Amino acid sequence: MPQDMPPVGGYEAVQYKRNLPSRGLFRPGPLIAGGAVLMLYGWWRLIAGIREQNELAREKMWARIHLIPLLQAEEDRDHVRRHLADQAREKELLGENIRVYHADRYVRPTFGVIPGKVTKE
């Protein structure tokens, strides 16, 4: 029996690839480009936000620095008021002001909180 031979000119090529056009944004190039653009925008906004936070922190620090003299003046005014009130109370109780340190130099008083009623339980 004779053997089957290929036709003259050979067989047609076997089509193993899909013959579909790649359309739209589903190609790798536009997807990667879109992701890169999105990432760049995110980094740009992040860096702008960090710079704005740094500027606000600097502004807050300078505002506090400029308020220090005002707060110090308020504290000094409160000390003077307390000192004069203590002297008036001392004069009312003792009839005269007593020098504690026996010196003419002013010693800034320190105030401590003393509880009104202390009960031993």
N, C-alpha and C. Protein backbone atom coordinates (compact mmCIF):
# COMPACT_ATOMS: atom_id res chain seq x y z
N MET A 1 0.84 -1.16 0.00
CA MET A 1 0.00 0.00 0.00
C MET A 1 0.89 1.24 0.00
N PRO A 2 0.54 2.19 -0.83
CA PRO A 2 1.41 3.38 -0.93
C PRO A 2 1.20 4.33 0.27
N GLN A 3 2.27 4.95 0.66
CA GLN A 3 2.22 5.86 1.81
C GLN A 3 1.62 7.18 1.40
N ASP A 4 0.81 7.80 2.40
CA ASP A 4 0.21 9.13 2.12
C ASP A 4 1.31 10.19 2.21
N MET A 5 1.37 10.97 1.20
CA MET A 5 2.39 12.03 1.14
C MET A 5 1.67 13.38 1.19
N PRO A 6 2.37 14.43 1.61
CA PRO A 6 1.75 15.76 1.65
C PRO A 6 1.44 16.21 0.23
N PRO A 7 0.46 17.09 0.12
CA PRO A 7 0.15 17.58 -1.22
C PRO A 7 1.33 18.36 -1.81
N VAL A 8 1.29 18.49 -3.06
CA VAL A 8 2.36 19.22 -3.74
C VAL A 8 2.27 20.69 -3.32
N GLY A 9 3.34 21.28 -2.89
CA GLY A 9 3.34 22.67 -2.40
C GLY A 9 3.21 22.74 -0.90
N GLY A 10 2.93 21.63 -0.21
CA GLY A 10 2.87 21.57 1.24
C GLY A 10 1.50 21.98 1.80
N TYR A 11 1.38 21.78 3.08
CA TYR A 11 0.14 22.16 3.78
C TYR A 11 0.14 23.67 4.06
N GLU A 12 -1.05 24.16 4.36
CA GLU A 12 -1.15 25.58 4.76
C GLU A 12 -0.56 25.74 6.16
N ALA A 13 -0.14 26.98 6.49
CA ALA A 13 0.42 27.26 7.82
C ALA A 13 -0.69 27.14 8.85
N VAL A 14 -0.36 26.56 10.00
CA VAL A 14 -1.34 26.42 11.08
C VAL A 14 -1.42 27.75 11.83
N GLN A 15 -2.63 28.28 11.96
CA GLN A 15 -2.80 29.57 12.64
C GLN A 15 -2.96 29.30 14.14
N TYR A 16 -1.93 29.61 14.91
CA TYR A 16 -1.99 29.36 16.35
C TYR A 16 -2.14 30.68 17.14
N LYS A 17 -1.99 31.84 16.48
CA LYS A 17 -2.17 33.12 17.16
C LYS A 17 -3.59 33.60 16.93
N ARG A 18 -4.10 34.35 17.98
CA ARG A 18 -5.43 34.94 17.80
C ARG A 18 -5.28 36.16 16.92
N ASN A 19 -6.15 36.32 16.03
CA ASN A 19 -6.10 37.44 15.10
C ASN A 19 -7.10 38.50 15.54
N LEU A 20 -6.89 39.03 16.79
CA LEU A 20 -7.79 40.07 17.29
C LEU A 20 -7.00 41.36 17.45
N PRO A 21 -7.57 42.45 17.02
CA PRO A 21 -6.85 43.72 17.18
C PRO A 21 -6.86 44.16 18.65
N SER A 22 -5.77 44.75 19.14
CA SER A 22 -5.74 45.27 20.50
C SER A 22 -6.13 46.74 20.44
N ARG A 23 -7.29 47.02 20.95
CA ARG A 23 -7.82 48.38 20.89
C ARG A 23 -8.04 48.90 22.30
N GLY A 24 -8.15 50.22 22.42
CA GLY A 24 -8.52 50.82 23.69
C GLY A 24 -7.34 50.99 24.63
N LEU A 25 -7.64 51.15 25.90
CA LEU A 25 -6.61 51.40 26.90
C LEU A 25 -6.06 50.13 27.53
N PHE A 26 -6.40 49.00 27.01
CA PHE A 26 -5.97 47.76 27.61
C PHE A 26 -4.63 47.29 27.08
N ARG A 27 -3.98 48.10 26.31
CA ARG A 27 -2.62 47.77 25.88
C ARG A 27 -1.67 48.14 27.01
N PRO A 28 -0.55 47.47 27.14
CA PRO A 28 0.35 47.74 28.27
C PRO A 28 0.91 49.16 28.27
N GLY A 29 1.21 49.72 27.12
CA GLY A 29 1.81 51.06 27.05
C GLY A 29 0.93 52.14 27.69
N PRO A 30 -0.33 52.28 27.25
CA PRO A 30 -1.18 53.30 27.86
C PRO A 30 -1.48 53.02 29.33
N LEU A 31 -1.58 51.75 29.73
CA LEU A 31 -1.81 51.44 31.14
C LEU A 31 -0.63 51.88 32.00
N ILE A 32 0.58 51.58 31.55
CA ILE A 32 1.76 51.98 32.31
C ILE A 32 1.89 53.50 32.33
N ALA A 33 1.62 54.14 31.20
CA ALA A 33 1.70 55.60 31.14
C ALA A 33 0.67 56.24 32.06
N GLY A 34 -0.55 55.70 32.06
CA GLY A 34 -1.60 56.23 32.95
C GLY A 34 -1.24 56.04 34.41
N GLY A 35 -0.71 54.88 34.76
CA GLY A 35 -0.28 54.65 36.14
C GLY A 35 0.84 55.59 36.55
N ALA A 36 1.79 55.82 35.63
CA ALA A 36 2.90 56.73 35.93
C ALA A 36 2.40 58.15 36.14
N VAL A 37 1.46 58.58 35.31
CA VAL A 37 0.90 59.93 35.47
C VAL A 37 0.17 60.04 36.80
N LEU A 38 -0.60 59.03 37.16
CA LEU A 38 -1.31 59.04 38.43
C LEU A 38 -0.34 59.06 39.62
N MET A 39 0.73 58.27 39.54
CA MET A 39 1.72 58.26 40.60
C MET A 39 2.43 59.61 40.71
N LEU A 40 2.78 60.22 39.58
CA LEU A 40 3.44 61.52 39.62
C LEU A 40 2.54 62.58 40.25
N TYR A 41 1.26 62.56 39.92
CA TYR A 41 0.32 63.51 40.51
C TYR A 41 0.23 63.30 42.02
N GLY A 42 0.18 62.04 42.46
CA GLY A 42 0.11 61.75 43.89
C GLY A 42 1.35 62.23 44.62
N TRP A 43 2.52 61.98 44.05
CA TRP A 43 3.76 62.44 44.69
C TRP A 43 3.81 63.96 44.73
N TRP A 44 3.37 64.61 43.66
CA TRP A 44 3.37 66.08 43.62
C TRP A 44 2.49 66.64 44.72
N ARG A 45 1.28 66.06 44.90
CA ARG A 45 0.38 66.54 45.95
C ARG A 45 0.94 66.23 47.34
N LEU A 46 1.58 65.09 47.52
CA LEU A 46 2.18 64.74 48.80
C LEU A 46 3.28 65.72 49.18
N ILE A 47 4.17 66.01 48.25
CA ILE A 47 5.27 66.94 48.52
C ILE A 47 4.72 68.34 48.80
N ALA A 48 3.69 68.77 48.05
CA ALA A 48 3.09 70.07 48.30
C ALA A 48 2.46 70.12 49.69
N GLY A 49 1.82 69.03 50.10
CA GLY A 49 1.21 68.98 51.43
C GLY A 49 2.26 69.02 52.54
N ILE A 50 3.37 68.31 52.36
CA ILE A 50 4.44 68.32 53.35
C ILE A 50 5.03 69.72 53.46
N ARG A 51 5.23 70.39 52.33
CA ARG A 51 5.77 71.76 52.38
C ARG A 51 4.80 72.70 53.08
N GLU A 52 3.51 72.53 52.84
CA GLU A 52 2.52 73.38 53.50
C GLU A 52 2.50 73.13 55.01
N GLN A 53 2.59 71.87 55.42
CA GLN A 53 2.65 71.56 56.86
C GLN A 53 3.89 72.16 57.51
N ASN A 54 5.02 72.10 56.83
CA ASN A 54 6.24 72.70 57.36
C ASN A 54 6.09 74.21 57.50
N GLU A 55 5.47 74.85 56.51
CA GLU A 55 5.26 76.30 56.56
C GLU A 55 4.32 76.67 57.70
N LEU A 56 3.25 75.89 57.89
CA LEU A 56 2.33 76.17 58.99
C LEU A 56 3.00 75.97 60.35
N ALA A 57 3.84 74.95 60.46
CA ALA A 57 4.56 74.72 61.72
C ALA A 57 5.53 75.86 61.99
N ARG A 58 6.21 76.35 60.95
CA ARG A 58 7.12 77.49 61.12
C ARG A 58 6.36 78.73 61.54
N GLU A 59 5.23 78.98 60.91
CA GLU A 59 4.41 80.13 61.26
C GLU A 59 3.90 80.03 62.70
N LYS A 60 3.50 78.84 63.12
CA LYS A 60 3.03 78.64 64.49
C LYS A 60 4.15 78.90 65.49
N MET A 61 5.35 78.42 65.18
CA MET A 61 6.49 78.63 66.07
C MET A 61 6.81 80.12 66.19
N TRP A 62 6.81 80.85 65.08
CA TRP A 62 7.10 82.28 65.14
C TRP A 62 6.00 83.03 65.87
N ALA A 63 4.76 82.60 65.73
CA ALA A 63 3.67 83.24 66.47
C ALA A 63 3.88 83.05 67.97
N ARG A 64 4.29 81.86 68.38
CA ARG A 64 4.56 81.63 69.80
C ARG A 64 5.74 82.46 70.29
N ILE A 65 6.78 82.56 69.46
CA ILE A 65 7.95 83.35 69.84
C ILE A 65 7.56 84.81 70.03
N HIS A 66 6.71 85.34 69.16
CA HIS A 66 6.30 86.74 69.26
C HIS A 66 5.33 86.98 70.41
N LEU A 67 4.67 85.94 70.88
CA LEU A 67 3.74 86.09 72.01
C LEU A 67 4.44 86.00 73.37
N ILE A 68 5.67 85.54 73.41
CA ILE A 68 6.37 85.36 74.69
C ILE A 68 6.44 86.66 75.49
N PRO A 69 6.81 87.82 74.90
CA PRO A 69 6.85 89.04 75.72
C PRO A 69 5.48 89.41 76.31
N LEU A 70 4.43 89.23 75.54
CA LEU A 70 3.09 89.54 76.04
C LEU A 70 2.73 88.62 77.20
N LEU A 71 3.01 87.34 77.07
CA LEU A 71 2.70 86.41 78.15
C LEU A 71 3.55 86.67 79.38
N GLN A 72 4.82 87.07 79.15
CA GLN A 72 5.69 87.40 80.28
C GLN A 72 5.17 88.65 81.00
N ALA A 73 4.70 89.65 80.26
CA ALA A 73 4.15 90.86 80.87
C ALA A 73 2.90 90.53 81.68
N GLU A 74 2.05 89.65 81.15
CA GLU A 74 0.86 89.25 81.89
C GLU A 74 1.23 88.54 83.18
N GLU A 75 2.23 87.68 83.11
CA GLU A 75 2.67 86.96 84.31
C GLU A 75 3.25 87.93 85.34
N ASP A 76 4.06 88.91 84.88
CA ASP A 76 4.63 89.91 85.79
C ASP A 76 3.53 90.74 86.43
N ARG A 77 2.54 91.13 85.66
CA ARG A 77 1.41 91.90 86.19
C ARG A 77 0.67 91.10 87.26
N ASP A 78 0.52 89.81 87.04
CA ASP A 78 -0.15 88.96 88.01
C ASP A 78 0.68 88.85 89.29
N HIS A 79 2.00 88.75 89.15
CA HIS A 79 2.87 88.68 90.33
C HIS A 79 2.79 89.97 91.15
N VAL A 80 2.79 91.11 90.46
CA VAL A 80 2.70 92.39 91.17
C VAL A 80 1.37 92.48 91.90
N ARG A 81 0.30 92.09 91.24
CA ARG A 81 -1.02 92.13 91.88
C ARG A 81 -1.06 91.24 93.11
N ARG A 82 -0.51 90.04 93.00
CA ARG A 82 -0.49 89.12 94.14
C ARG A 82 0.40 89.66 95.27
N HIS A 83 1.54 90.25 94.89
CA HIS A 83 2.46 90.78 95.90
C HIS A 83 1.81 91.93 96.67
N LEU A 84 1.15 92.84 95.95
CA LEU A 84 0.48 93.96 96.63
C LEU A 84 -0.67 93.46 97.49
N ALA A 85 -1.39 92.46 97.02
CA ALA A 85 -2.49 91.90 97.82
C ALA A 85 -1.94 91.23 99.08
N ASP A 86 -0.79 90.53 98.95
CA ASP A 86 -0.18 89.91 100.12
C ASP A 86 0.29 90.95 101.13
N GLN A 87 0.89 92.03 100.61
CA GLN A 87 1.34 93.09 101.52
C GLN A 87 0.16 93.74 102.25
N ALA A 88 -0.94 93.97 101.53
CA ALA A 88 -2.12 94.57 102.16
C ALA A 88 -2.70 93.62 103.20
N ARG A 89 -2.75 92.34 102.91
CA ARG A 89 -3.27 91.36 103.85
C ARG A 89 -2.35 91.27 105.09
N GLU A 90 -1.05 91.31 104.85
CA GLU A 90 -0.09 91.25 105.95
C GLU A 90 -0.20 92.49 106.84
N LYS A 91 -0.37 93.67 106.21
CA LYS A 91 -0.51 94.90 106.98
C LYS A 91 -1.79 94.88 107.79
N GLU A 92 -2.85 94.32 107.22
CA GLU A 92 -4.14 94.22 107.93
C GLU A 92 -4.03 93.28 109.13
N LEU A 93 -3.31 92.17 108.97
CA LEU A 93 -3.20 91.19 110.05
C LEU A 93 -2.17 91.60 111.11
N LEU A 94 -1.01 92.07 110.67
CA LEU A 94 0.08 92.32 111.60
C LEU A 94 0.24 93.79 111.95
N GLY A 95 -0.34 94.68 111.19
CA GLY A 95 -0.21 96.10 111.43
C GLY A 95 1.01 96.71 110.76
N GLU A 96 1.93 95.92 110.27
CA GLU A 96 3.11 96.43 109.57
C GLU A 96 3.62 95.34 108.62
N ASN A 97 4.46 95.74 107.68
CA ASN A 97 5.08 94.78 106.76
C ASN A 97 6.40 94.32 107.34
N ILE A 98 6.61 93.04 107.37
CA ILE A 98 7.82 92.46 107.94
C ILE A 98 8.72 91.98 106.80
N ARG A 99 9.98 92.34 106.89
CA ARG A 99 10.93 91.86 105.90
C ARG A 99 11.37 90.46 106.31
N VAL A 100 11.23 89.55 105.39
CA VAL A 100 11.57 88.17 105.70
C VAL A 100 13.06 87.94 105.53
N TYR A 101 13.64 88.55 104.49
CA TYR A 101 15.04 88.27 104.18
C TYR A 101 15.98 89.32 104.75
N HIS A 102 15.48 90.36 105.45
CA HIS A 102 16.29 91.42 106.04
C HIS A 102 17.21 92.05 105.00
N ALA A 103 16.66 92.31 103.84
CA ALA A 103 17.44 92.94 102.78
C ALA A 103 16.51 93.84 101.96
N ASP A 104 17.10 94.76 101.22
CA ASP A 104 16.31 95.66 100.37
C ASP A 104 16.07 95.06 98.99
N ARG A 105 16.76 94.00 98.70
CA ARG A 105 16.64 93.38 97.37
C ARG A 105 15.30 92.66 97.26
N TYR A 106 14.65 92.81 96.10
CA TYR A 106 13.36 92.16 95.88
C TYR A 106 13.60 90.69 95.54
N VAL A 107 12.92 89.81 96.21
CA VAL A 107 13.00 88.38 95.93
C VAL A 107 11.65 87.96 95.37
N ARG A 108 11.70 87.44 94.19
CA ARG A 108 10.45 87.05 93.53
C ARG A 108 9.82 85.89 94.28
N PRO A 109 8.57 86.04 94.69
CA PRO A 109 7.94 84.97 95.47
C PRO A 109 7.60 83.77 94.61
N THR A 110 7.61 82.63 95.25
CA THR A 110 7.15 81.41 94.58
C THR A 110 5.84 81.00 95.22
N PHE A 111 4.92 80.61 94.39
CA PHE A 111 3.60 80.26 94.88
C PHE A 111 3.42 78.76 94.79
N GLY A 112 2.90 78.20 95.85
CA GLY A 112 2.58 76.79 95.86
C GLY A 112 1.11 76.62 96.18
N VAL A 113 0.50 75.62 95.63
CA VAL A 113 -0.90 75.36 95.89
C VAL A 113 -1.00 74.58 97.19
N ILE A 114 -1.75 75.15 98.14
CA ILE A 114 -1.94 74.49 99.44
C ILE A 114 -3.42 74.13 99.53
N PRO A 115 -3.73 72.90 99.81
CA PRO A 115 -5.14 72.53 99.89
C PRO A 115 -5.81 73.20 101.08
N GLY A 116 -7.10 73.52 100.91
CA GLY A 116 -7.85 74.22 101.94
C GLY A 116 -8.05 73.40 103.20
N LYS A 117 -8.58 72.23 103.04
CA LYS A 117 -8.85 71.37 104.19
C LYS A 117 -8.11 70.05 103.99
N VAL A 118 -7.31 69.72 104.99
CA VAL A 118 -6.58 68.45 104.94
C VAL A 118 -7.15 67.58 106.06
N THR A 119 -7.70 66.47 105.71
CA THR A 119 -8.27 65.55 106.71
C THR A 119 -7.45 64.29 106.74
N LYS A 120 -7.20 63.82 107.92
CA LYS A 120 -6.47 62.57 108.05
C LYS A 120 -7.48 61.45 108.19
N GLU A 121 -7.37 60.50 107.36
CA GLU A 121 -8.32 59.39 107.37
C GLU A 121 -7.69 58.12 107.86
